[in-house]
């Protein structure tokens, strides 16, 4: 019953997962969807599309989850100074029932 409390912490959020993340893409997809989010199965949105959805004065709606091995996939996002997150961000949010967008705790820009 306690687990149900946290199931909607990702409501209204869309996640793009890079291929080499751990836990695996499939496992993290299950966690995200159980918490009310959705996973973008298509091509990742470009910088302009992400900026359009993620307004500067609000918490992000489109989140990119990646790992060190996949940074080459999100180079354009990093150059545009858009924050990206690691899998720990997802797991911590589910455990706490809320998202912490402090980018110093996740992968940030280079």
Protein backbone atom coordinates (compact mmCIF):
# COMPACT_ATOMS: atom_id res chain seq x y z
CA UNK A 1 0.00 0.00 0.00
CA UNK A 2 2.86 2.41 0.75
CA UNK A 3 4.24 1.90 -2.74
CA UNK A 4 1.02 3.26 -4.25
CA UNK A 5 1.69 6.64 -2.63
CA UNK A 6 4.65 7.26 -4.93
CA UNK A 7 3.17 5.97 -8.15
CA UNK A 8 2.30 9.31 -9.65
CA UNK A 9 5.45 11.36 -9.02
CA UNK A 10 6.14 11.36 -12.81
CA UNK A 11 2.60 12.30 -13.89
CA UNK A 12 2.75 14.44 -17.05
CA UNK A 13 6.48 13.84 -17.64
CA UNK A 14 8.05 12.32 -20.74
CA UNK A 15 11.41 10.56 -20.48
CA UNK A 16 13.95 9.78 -23.16
CA UNK A 17 16.27 6.93 -22.12
CA UNK A 18 19.63 6.35 -23.77
CA UNK A 19 20.53 2.74 -24.63
CA UNK A 20 23.36 1.96 -22.17
CA UNK A 21 21.70 3.07 -18.92
CA UNK A 22 21.69 0.83 -15.88
CA UNK A 23 19.26 -0.50 -14.78
CA UNK A 24 18.39 -1.44 -18.33
CA UNK A 25 16.14 0.60 -20.59
CA UNK A 26 13.32 -1.94 -20.24
CA UNK A 27 13.49 -2.04 -16.45
CA UNK A 28 13.63 1.71 -16.05
CA UNK A 29 10.72 2.08 -18.47
CA UNK A 30 8.60 -0.11 -16.17
CA UNK A 31 9.54 2.02 -13.14
CA UNK A 32 8.79 5.31 -14.93
CA UNK A 33 5.44 4.13 -16.27
CA UNK A 34 4.45 2.70 -12.87
CA UNK A 35 5.15 6.16 -11.41
CA UNK A 36 2.81 7.82 -13.92
CA UNK A 37 5.37 8.96 -16.51
CA UNK A 38 5.80 7.96 -20.12
CA UNK A 39 8.86 6.92 -22.11
CA UNK A 40 9.55 8.36 -25.54
CA UNK A 41 10.10 5.35 -27.80
CA UNK A 42 10.77 7.47 -30.85
CA UNK A 43 13.69 9.60 -31.89
CA UNK A 44 14.82 12.02 -29.21
CA UNK A 45 13.47 15.55 -29.51
CA UNK A 46 15.86 18.20 -30.77
CA UNK A 47 17.10 21.17 -28.71
CA UNK A 48 14.38 23.54 -29.96
CA UNK A 49 11.60 21.05 -29.23
CA UNK A 50 12.94 20.41 -25.73
CA UNK A 51 13.19 24.13 -24.98
CA UNK A 52 9.65 24.62 -26.23
CA UNK A 53 8.30 22.00 -23.83
CA UNK A 54 10.62 22.74 -20.90
CA UNK A 55 9.81 26.34 -20.01
CA UNK A 56 12.54 28.19 -18.09
CA UNK A 57 10.26 29.16 -15.20
CA UNK A 58 8.94 25.62 -14.56
CA UNK A 59 10.27 22.16 -13.79
CA UNK A 60 11.12 20.16 -16.93
CA UNK A 61 8.45 18.08 -18.61
CA UNK A 62 10.81 16.30 -21.04
CA UNK A 63 13.70 14.62 -19.25
CA UNK A 64 16.69 12.87 -20.73
CA UNK A 65 18.12 10.00 -18.69
CA UNK A 66 21.62 8.94 -19.68
CA UNK A 67 24.94 7.63 -18.42
CA UNK A 68 28.60 8.48 -18.96
CA UNK A 69 28.89 5.90 -21.75
CA UNK A 70 26.08 7.55 -23.76
CA UNK A 71 27.15 11.19 -23.45
CA UNK A 72 28.05 11.26 -27.14
CA UNK A 73 24.33 10.77 -27.90
CA UNK A 74 23.36 13.93 -26.03
CA UNK A 75 26.26 16.22 -26.97
CA UNK A 76 23.93 18.75 -28.61
CA UNK A 77 21.82 18.89 -25.44
CA UNK A 78 24.90 19.45 -23.29
CA UNK A 79 26.18 22.20 -25.59
CA UNK A 80 22.77 23.88 -25.37
CA UNK A 81 23.16 23.89 -21.55
CA UNK A 82 20.03 21.78 -21.04
CA UNK A 83 20.26 19.59 -17.98
CA UNK A 84 20.24 15.84 -18.33
CA UNK A 85 19.82 13.29 -15.58
CA UNK A 86 21.12 9.88 -14.56
CA UNK A 87 19.18 6.81 -13.51
CA UNK A 88 19.74 7.65 -9.85
CA UNK A 89 17.48 10.67 -10.39
CA UNK A 90 14.62 8.34 -11.39
CA UNK A 91 15.17 5.89 -8.56
CA UNK A 92 15.49 8.65 -5.94
CA UNK A 93 12.33 10.35 -7.17
CA UNK A 94 10.36 7.13 -6.88
CA UNK A 95 11.76 6.41 -3.41
CA UNK A 96 11.01 9.93 -2.14
CA UNK A 97 7.81 10.49 -4.07
CA UNK A 98 9.10 13.74 -5.59
CA UNK A 99 11.66 14.89 -8.11
CA UNK A 100 14.74 16.88 -7.12
CA UNK A 101 15.84 18.97 -10.09
CA UNK A 102 19.10 20.06 -8.47
CA UNK A 103 21.38 19.47 -11.45
CA UNK A 104 24.47 19.26 -9.25
CA UNK A 105 23.22 15.80 -8.23
CA UNK A 106 22.87 14.56 -11.80
CA UNK A 107 24.85 14.66 -15.01
CA UNK A 108 24.99 18.27 -16.15
CA UNK A 109 26.70 20.27 -18.84
CA UNK A 110 30.32 19.92 -19.87
